[in-house]
Amino acid sequence: MPNVFTNLAADIYVAADIVGRELVGVVPSGTVNGGSGRAAMGDTVRSAFTRTPTVGTITPSMTIPEGTDQTVDNKTMVLDQTASVKIPYTGEDVKHLNNGAGYETVYGDQIAQAFRAIANQIESYQWALARAGASRAFGTAGTTPFASNFNEIAEVRQILVDNGMPTDGQASLVFNTLAGTKMRNLAQLQKVNEAGSSSLLRQGELLNLQGLSIKESAAPVPVTKGTGSGYLANSASLVVGTTTIPADTGTGTILAGDVVTFAADTVNKYVVATALSGGGFTIAGPGLRVAIPDNNAITVGNTSTANVAFHKKAIELAIRPYAAPPGGDAAVDQMIVVDPWSGLSFDLSLYQGYKKSMIDISCVYGGKVWKPEFVAQLLG
């Protein structure tokens, strides 16, 4: 039979340029581990991480000294998410469409809408990982940043560089369109002589500022904070670098992604990595910046929109076509298509039944924050 997808590929890409799309900023700012090799739900992706070495001294000798053994950590993430949009057609459906707008036109638009829906789902998934996987936060909950200047960029960048993030031009700040509008309205960025470029004034293109690539996304939305109140630190050993925080006396929840402060350290806003359970919660690395005494009050920050700043290597998305059995399944045609908007690859499969066919757009994916130290929230 003819290769349907090859014949209609042009319609798919034309439609992808026409169908409205939400902004995608988190996915392309991180590492995308894609490929055409199929994977199964639950498959593991591994990555090696080196530890900080011990710095020694030099002692002149005629004997070459032994090197210091180092441990290489093996971190993993799991492909634990699937996405699929199924578009069924009967022969009568095609006849009706060809009497109007045309099957190819509608078919292409439907596939582009599938790209849109899946890309939005993955963008929101990666943003949620970044939000909950951040090290610390800056800003005022409930207040959109950039009201009068863009000083917040320098502040959130400081969190990252203080944590050791390399300043190699691969870090991004991704925020929602509310923050984007505030930034676009800043007079100093609209003046060519001050901004150094007419891009924002003429094309609305956001600039690289303070060493961060600025992007917008539809994903950052307000997230209701946990209900926790009255909690106290329940340990006298909360030294600098501690990530496990025992807590007692309080009531309510402290959720992953919440921002907490301590009475003894109101400057640093720590992001909760794992929710309160069994009398304690954890914060992301590098942990506490100030030692916290026993019975010190813990405050859960207000509900906010977490815009995120991070290094490209800090967050990874692995995405693959879903695994097929040996010899293939019932699909009569298959094609891997790259969404031109998000850059993600999707598996298109055509299935034929009794006087009916179905197009399936699908993928299996998973994400991971490898380096919480290189991720920060900018509250809004």
Protein backbone atom coordinates (compact mmCIF):
# COMPACT_ATOMS: atom_id res chain seq x y z
CA MET A 1 0.00 0.00 0.00
CA PRO A 2 1.17 3.63 -0.44
CA ASN A 3 3.14 5.27 2.34
CA VAL A 4 0.43 7.59 3.67
CA PHE A 5 2.53 9.69 6.02
CA THR A 6 5.27 10.34 3.47
CA ASN A 7 2.67 11.55 0.97
CA LEU A 8 1.05 13.85 3.52
CA ALA A 9 4.12 15.01 5.49
CA ALA A 10 3.96 18.43 3.86
CA ASP A 11 0.39 18.90 5.10
CA ILE A 12 1.50 18.05 8.64
CA TYR A 13 4.24 20.69 8.70
CA VAL A 14 2.10 23.35 7.03
CA ALA A 15 -0.59 22.77 9.64
CA ALA A 16 1.98 22.97 12.44
CA ASP A 17 2.78 26.52 11.31
CA ILE A 18 -0.90 27.54 11.26
CA VAL A 19 -2.37 26.03 14.44
CA GLY A 20 -2.04 28.32 17.47
CA ARG A 21 0.63 27.31 19.99
CA GLU A 22 1.40 28.16 23.59
CA LEU A 23 4.90 29.32 24.47
CA VAL A 24 7.43 26.60 25.28
CA GLY A 25 10.56 27.63 27.18
CA VAL A 26 11.49 25.02 29.78
CA VAL A 27 11.94 22.03 27.43
CA PRO A 28 14.37 23.67 24.96
CA SER A 29 16.31 25.31 27.81
CA GLY A 30 17.21 21.94 29.30
CA THR A 31 18.89 18.88 27.86
CA VAL A 32 16.65 16.87 25.53
CA ASN A 33 17.65 13.22 25.24
CA GLY A 34 15.73 12.18 22.14
CA GLY A 35 16.16 9.62 19.43
CA SER A 36 14.30 7.25 17.16
CA GLY A 37 15.10 4.13 19.19
CA ARG A 38 11.95 2.83 20.85
CA ALA A 39 11.65 2.56 24.63
CA ALA A 40 9.23 1.00 27.08
CA MET A 41 7.38 2.47 30.00
CA GLY A 42 9.65 2.09 33.04
CA ASP A 43 12.93 2.02 31.11
CA THR A 44 15.88 3.59 32.93
CA VAL A 45 18.20 6.32 31.66
CA ARG A 46 21.53 6.52 33.46
CA SER A 47 24.00 9.35 33.90
CA ALA A 48 27.39 9.48 35.60
CA PHE A 49 28.27 12.25 38.07
CA THR A 50 31.63 12.97 39.63
CA ARG A 51 32.15 14.18 43.18
CA THR A 52 34.26 17.11 44.35
CA PRO A 53 37.83 15.78 44.75
CA THR A 54 40.08 16.16 47.76
CA VAL A 55 42.79 18.73 47.08
CA GLY A 56 46.17 17.57 48.35
CA THR A 57 49.67 19.04 48.55
CA ILE A 58 52.87 18.54 46.57
CA THR A 59 55.85 16.77 48.13
CA PRO A 60 58.90 16.44 45.85
CA SER A 61 59.97 12.81 45.57
CA MET A 62 61.75 10.41 43.23
CA THR A 63 58.75 8.13 43.60
CA ILE A 64 55.54 8.93 41.74
CA PRO A 65 52.80 9.22 44.37
CA GLU A 66 49.59 7.24 44.18
CA GLY A 67 46.50 9.01 42.94
CA THR A 68 43.53 9.52 45.19
CA ASP A 69 40.68 7.12 44.46
CA GLN A 70 37.49 8.83 43.37
CA THR A 71 33.90 7.66 43.41
CA VAL A 72 31.76 8.20 40.32
CA ASP A 73 28.07 8.27 41.15
CA ASN A 74 25.50 6.64 38.90
CA LYS A 75 22.22 8.56 38.83
CA THR A 76 19.13 7.34 37.03
CA MET A 77 15.80 8.56 35.76
CA VAL A 78 12.85 6.54 34.56
CA LEU A 79 10.68 6.93 31.49
CA ASP A 80 7.45 6.90 33.50
CA GLN A 81 5.14 9.07 31.41
CA THR A 82 3.25 8.33 28.21
CA ALA A 83 1.22 10.52 25.90
CA SER A 84 -1.05 9.55 23.04
CA VAL A 85 -3.62 11.29 20.85
CA LYS A 86 -5.75 8.97 18.72
CA ILE A 87 -7.62 10.30 15.67
CA PRO A 88 -10.15 7.85 14.16
CA TYR A 89 -11.56 8.12 10.61
CA THR A 90 -14.16 6.19 8.67
CA GLY A 91 -14.48 6.28 4.90
CA GLU A 92 -17.61 8.38 5.30
CA ASP A 93 -15.69 10.91 7.43
CA VAL A 94 -13.14 11.38 4.66
CA LYS A 95 -15.89 11.74 2.02
CA HIS A 96 -17.66 14.39 4.08
CA LEU A 97 -14.43 16.34 4.63
CA ASN A 98 -13.50 16.23 0.94
CA ASN A 99 -16.84 17.86 0.17
CA GLY A 100 -15.77 20.78 2.36
CA ALA A 101 -12.40 21.89 3.72
CA GLY A 102 -10.65 18.74 2.50
CA TYR A 103 -9.37 15.71 4.37
CA GLU A 104 -5.69 16.66 4.06
CA THR A 105 -6.31 20.11 5.57
CA VAL A 106 -8.30 18.87 8.56
CA TYR A 107 -6.05 15.84 9.03
CA GLY A 108 -2.96 18.07 9.19
CA ASP A 109 -4.61 20.45 11.65
CA GLN A 110 -5.62 17.57 13.91
CA ILE A 111 -2.06 16.25 14.01
CA ALA A 112 -0.73 19.75 14.73
CA GLN A 113 -3.23 20.05 17.59
CA ALA A 114 -1.94 16.72 18.90
CA PHE A 115 1.62 18.09 18.79
CA ARG A 116 0.37 21.14 20.66
CA ALA A 117 -1.39 19.19 23.40
CA ILE A 118 1.47 16.75 24.01
CA ALA A 119 4.14 19.47 23.93
CA ASN A 120 2.15 21.52 26.46
CA GLN A 121 1.82 18.47 28.70
CA ILE A 122 5.58 17.81 28.58
CA GLU A 123 6.41 21.50 29.10
CA SER A 124 4.23 21.60 32.23
CA TYR A 125 5.76 18.33 33.42
CA GLN A 126 9.32 19.66 33.08
CA TRP A 127 8.38 22.95 34.74
CA ALA A 128 6.87 21.09 37.70
CA LEU A 129 10.11 19.10 38.05
CA ALA A 130 12.19 22.29 37.93
CA ARG A 131 9.93 24.02 40.45
CA ALA A 132 10.13 21.19 42.98
CA GLY A 133 13.79 20.48 42.20
CA ALA A 134 15.12 24.01 42.74
CA SER A 135 17.67 24.78 45.42
CA ARG A 136 16.47 28.16 46.65
CA ALA A 137 14.15 30.98 45.63
CA PHE A 138 14.16 34.73 45.29
CA GLY A 139 11.35 37.25 45.00
CA THR A 140 8.02 38.02 46.60
CA ALA A 141 5.25 35.44 46.42
CA GLY A 142 2.19 36.81 44.66
CA THR A 143 4.05 39.77 43.12
CA THR A 144 5.00 39.61 39.44
CA PRO A 145 8.69 40.50 39.01
CA PHE A 146 10.11 43.31 36.87
CA ALA A 147 7.66 45.99 38.03
CA SER A 148 10.27 48.76 37.76
CA ASN A 149 13.60 47.09 36.87
CA PHE A 150 15.13 43.70 36.15
CA ASN A 151 17.27 43.46 39.28
CA GLU A 152 15.60 40.12 40.11
CA ILE A 153 17.60 38.49 37.31
CA ALA A 154 20.90 39.32 39.01
CA GLU A 155 19.55 38.06 42.34
CA VAL A 156 18.37 34.71 41.03
CA ARG A 157 21.59 34.32 39.05
CA GLN A 158 23.55 34.84 42.26
CA ILE A 159 21.84 31.80 43.77
CA LEU A 160 23.05 29.69 40.86
CA VAL A 161 26.63 30.96 40.74
CA ASP A 162 26.99 30.80 44.52
CA ASN A 163 26.04 27.13 44.17
CA GLY A 164 28.87 26.63 41.67
CA MET A 165 26.99 26.79 38.38
CA PRO A 166 29.37 27.27 35.42
CA THR A 167 28.99 30.62 33.69
CA ASP A 168 29.29 29.19 30.18
CA GLY A 169 26.30 30.84 28.56
CA GLN A 170 24.01 27.80 28.93
CA ALA A 171 21.76 29.10 31.71
CA SER A 172 18.21 30.31 31.13
CA LEU A 173 15.46 32.10 33.00
CA VAL A 174 11.98 30.96 31.98
CA PHE A 175 8.95 32.92 33.16
CA ASN A 176 5.29 33.30 32.29
CA THR A 177 3.83 35.97 30.04
CA LEU A 178 2.81 38.17 33.01
CA ALA A 179 6.46 38.58 33.91
CA GLY A 180 7.27 38.88 30.19
CA THR A 181 4.89 41.80 29.81
CA LYS A 182 6.38 43.55 32.85
CA MET A 183 9.84 43.16 31.36
CA ARG A 184 8.75 44.39 27.94
CA ASN A 185 7.31 47.51 29.55
CA LEU A 186 10.62 48.48 31.15
CA ALA A 187 11.68 51.73 29.54
CA GLN A 188 15.40 50.99 29.70
CA LEU A 189 14.95 47.87 27.57
CA GLN A 190 12.94 49.75 24.94
CA LYS A 191 15.59 52.44 24.47
CA VAL A 192 18.04 51.23 21.84
CA ASN A 193 20.89 53.31 23.25
CA GLU A 194 20.46 51.66 26.69
CA ALA A 195 19.47 48.14 25.64
CA GLY A 196 22.18 47.94 22.97
CA SER A 197 19.71 46.43 20.50
CA SER A 198 16.39 47.24 18.85
CA SER A 199 15.20 43.61 19.11
CA LEU A 200 12.81 44.15 22.02
CA LEU A 201 11.48 47.46 20.69
CA ARG A 202 10.94 46.31 17.10
CA GLN A 203 10.38 42.55 17.25
CA GLY A 204 9.40 41.98 20.90
CA GLU A 205 12.33 39.59 21.26
CA LEU A 206 13.49 39.16 24.84
CA LEU A 207 17.19 39.71 25.36
CA ASN A 208 19.91 37.81 27.16
CA LEU A 209 20.34 39.67 30.43
CA GLN A 210 22.79 39.29 33.30
CA GLY A 211 24.20 36.12 31.75
CA LEU A 212 20.83 34.35 31.46
CA SER A 213 18.92 33.55 28.28
CA ILE A 214 15.42 34.93 28.78
CA LYS A 215 12.46 32.84 27.62
CA GLU A 216 8.70 32.70 28.15
CA SER A 217 6.50 29.70 28.80
CA ALA A 218 2.81 28.99 29.30
CA ALA A 219 3.66 26.47 32.03
CA PRO A 220 4.40 28.62 35.14
CA VAL A 221 1.10 29.07 36.97
CA PRO A 222 0.20 29.76 40.61
CA VAL A 223 0.49 26.66 42.81
CA THR A 224 -1.28 26.56 46.16
CA LYS A 225 1.16 26.21 49.02
CA GLY A 226 1.00 23.62 51.74
CA THR A 227 -1.10 24.34 54.83
CA GLY A 228 1.74 23.88 57.30
CA SER A 229 2.01 26.28 60.24
CA GLY A 230 3.64 26.33 63.65
CA TYR A 231 6.42 23.89 62.78
CA LEU A 232 9.75 24.07 64.61
CA ALA A 233 13.12 22.61 63.66
CA ASN A 234 13.51 19.44 65.72
CA SER A 235 17.28 19.02 65.82
CA ALA A 236 20.33 20.68 67.29
CA SER A 237 22.51 19.39 64.42
CA LEU A 238 21.21 21.43 61.47
CA VAL A 239 24.59 22.66 60.28
CA VAL A 240 25.47 24.32 56.97
CA GLY A 241 24.84 21.86 54.13
CA THR A 242 22.10 19.89 55.89
CA THR A 243 19.26 18.83 53.58
CA THR A 244 17.06 16.73 55.94
CA ILE A 245 14.99 18.92 58.22
CA PRO A 246 13.23 17.24 61.18
CA ALA A 247 10.17 19.25 62.22
CA ASP A 248 7.61 18.99 65.03
CA THR A 249 4.79 20.72 66.96
CA GLY A 250 3.13 22.14 63.82
CA THR A 251 0.06 21.19 61.84
CA GLY A 252 -0.78 20.89 58.15
CA THR A 253 1.25 20.01 55.09
CA ILE A 254 4.60 21.10 53.71
CA LEU A 255 4.67 20.13 50.05
CA ALA A 256 7.40 19.57 47.47
CA GLY A 257 8.01 22.88 45.72
CA ASP A 258 6.98 24.96 48.75
CA VAL A 259 9.38 27.69 49.83
CA VAL A 260 10.36 27.75 53.50
CA THR A 261 12.36 30.11 55.66
CA PHE A 262 13.72 29.82 59.18
CA ALA A 263 13.59 32.42 61.94
CA ALA A 264 17.37 32.21 62.17
CA ASP A 265 17.81 32.68 58.41
CA THR A 266 15.24 34.95 56.77
CA VAL A 267 17.56 35.81 53.86
CA ASN A 268 17.63 32.40 52.19
CA LYS A 269 14.41 30.92 50.84
CA TYR A 270 14.75 27.16 50.62
CA VAL A 271 12.74 25.00 48.23
CA VAL A 272 11.25 21.81 49.65
CA ALA A 273 12.44 18.78 47.66
CA THR A 274 10.33 16.08 49.35
CA ALA A 275 7.15 16.76 51.29
CA LEU A 276 6.80 16.58 55.05
CA SER A 277 6.37 12.96 56.10
CA GLY A 278 7.21 11.05 59.25
CA GLY A 279 8.30 14.16 61.12
CA GLY A 280 10.61 15.70 58.54
CA PHE A 281 11.10 17.05 55.03
CA THR A 282 14.07 17.66 52.78
CA ILE A 283 15.38 20.68 50.94
CA ALA A 284 17.46 20.46 47.79
CA GLY A 285 21.25 20.68 47.64
CA PRO A 286 23.46 22.40 48.56
CA GLY A 287 21.29 22.55 51.69
CA LEU A 288 21.29 25.06 54.51
CA ARG A 289 23.43 28.16 54.09
CA VAL A 290 23.19 29.03 57.80
CA ALA A 291 23.14 26.72 60.82
CA ILE A 292 19.65 26.46 62.31
CA PRO A 293 19.22 25.98 66.09
CA ASP A 294 16.80 23.53 67.66
CA ASN A 295 13.18 24.71 67.99
CA ASN A 296 13.68 27.41 65.40
CA ALA A 297 10.44 28.49 63.73
CA ILE A 298 9.78 27.33 60.15
CA THR A 299 7.59 29.47 57.88
CA VAL A 300 5.97 28.21 54.70
CA GLY A 301 5.89 30.90 52.02
CA ASN A 302 2.70 32.11 50.38
CA THR A 303 1.14 30.73 47.22
CA SER A 304 3.15 31.88 44.21
CA THR A 305 4.03 31.35 40.58
CA ALA A 306 7.47 29.75 40.36
CA ASN A 307 9.38 31.03 37.37
CA VAL A 308 12.58 29.01 37.01
CA ALA A 309 16.23 29.71 36.26
CA PHE A 310 18.54 26.81 35.51
CA HIS A 311 21.58 25.56 33.64
CA LYS A 312 20.99 23.42 30.56
CA LYS A 313 22.74 20.42 32.09
CA ALA A 314 20.74 20.64 35.33
CA ILE A 315 17.50 19.28 33.82
CA GLU A 316 17.06 16.51 31.29
CA LEU A 317 14.10 15.23 29.32
CA ALA A 318 14.28 11.77 27.74
CA ILE A 319 11.68 11.11 25.05
CA ARG A 320 11.29 8.10 22.77
CA PRO A 321 8.77 6.38 20.50
CA TYR A 322 6.85 3.76 22.46
CA ALA A 323 8.21 0.21 22.23
CA ALA A 324 6.62 -2.17 19.68
CA PRO A 325 6.63 -5.98 19.90
CA PRO A 326 8.95 -8.10 17.68
CA GLY A 327 7.77 -7.89 14.10
CA GLY A 328 5.79 -4.74 14.85
CA ASP A 329 2.18 -4.23 15.85
CA ALA A 330 -0.87 -3.70 13.66
CA ALA A 331 0.32 -0.33 12.31
CA VAL A 332 0.45 -0.24 8.50
CA ASP A 333 2.54 2.92 8.36
CA GLN A 334 4.79 4.71 10.87
CA MET A 335 6.83 7.90 10.85
CA ILE A 336 8.89 9.88 13.37
CA VAL A 337 8.03 13.59 13.07
CA VAL A 338 9.80 16.50 14.79
CA ASP A 339 7.45 19.16 16.07
CA PRO A 340 8.90 22.39 14.60
CA TRP A 341 7.64 24.47 17.54
CA SER A 342 8.96 22.52 20.53
CA GLY A 343 11.65 20.42 18.83
CA LEU A 344 10.19 17.22 20.32
CA SER A 345 9.93 14.02 18.29
CA PHE A 346 6.65 12.12 18.09
CA ASP A 347 5.73 8.71 16.71
CA LEU A 348 2.93 8.76 14.12
CA SER A 349 1.29 5.40 13.43
CA LEU A 350 -1.57 4.53 11.10
CA TYR A 351 -3.83 1.61 12.05
CA GLN A 352 -6.43 0.15 9.69
CA GLY A 353 -9.52 -1.76 10.79
CA TYR A 354 -12.84 -2.68 9.26
CA LYS A 355 -13.84 0.31 7.09
CA LYS A 356 -12.07 2.53 9.59
CA SER A 357 -8.57 3.78 10.28
CA MET A 358 -6.89 5.55 13.17
CA ILE A 359 -3.90 7.86 13.44
CA ASP A 360 -1.97 7.64 16.72
CA ILE A 361 0.50 10.34 17.81
CA SER A 362 2.45 9.13 20.84
CA CYS A 363 5.63 9.07 22.89
CA VAL A 364 7.05 7.82 26.17
CA TYR A 365 9.07 10.25 28.26
CA GLY A 366 10.55 11.08 31.63
CA GLY A 367 12.49 13.92 33.18
CA LYS A 368 14.93 14.56 35.98
CA VAL A 369 16.59 17.43 37.80
CA TRP A 370 20.16 16.16 37.99
CA LYS A 371 21.65 19.21 39.72
CA PRO A 372 19.27 21.04 42.09
CA GLU A 373 22.16 23.39 42.89
CA PHE A 374 21.86 24.78 39.36
CA VAL A 375 18.10 25.44 39.56
CA ALA A 376 16.37 28.34 41.31
CA GLN A 377 12.87 29.74 41.57
CA LEU A 378 12.00 33.35 40.81
CA LEU A 379 8.77 33.94 42.68
CA GLY A 380 5.87 35.76 41.09
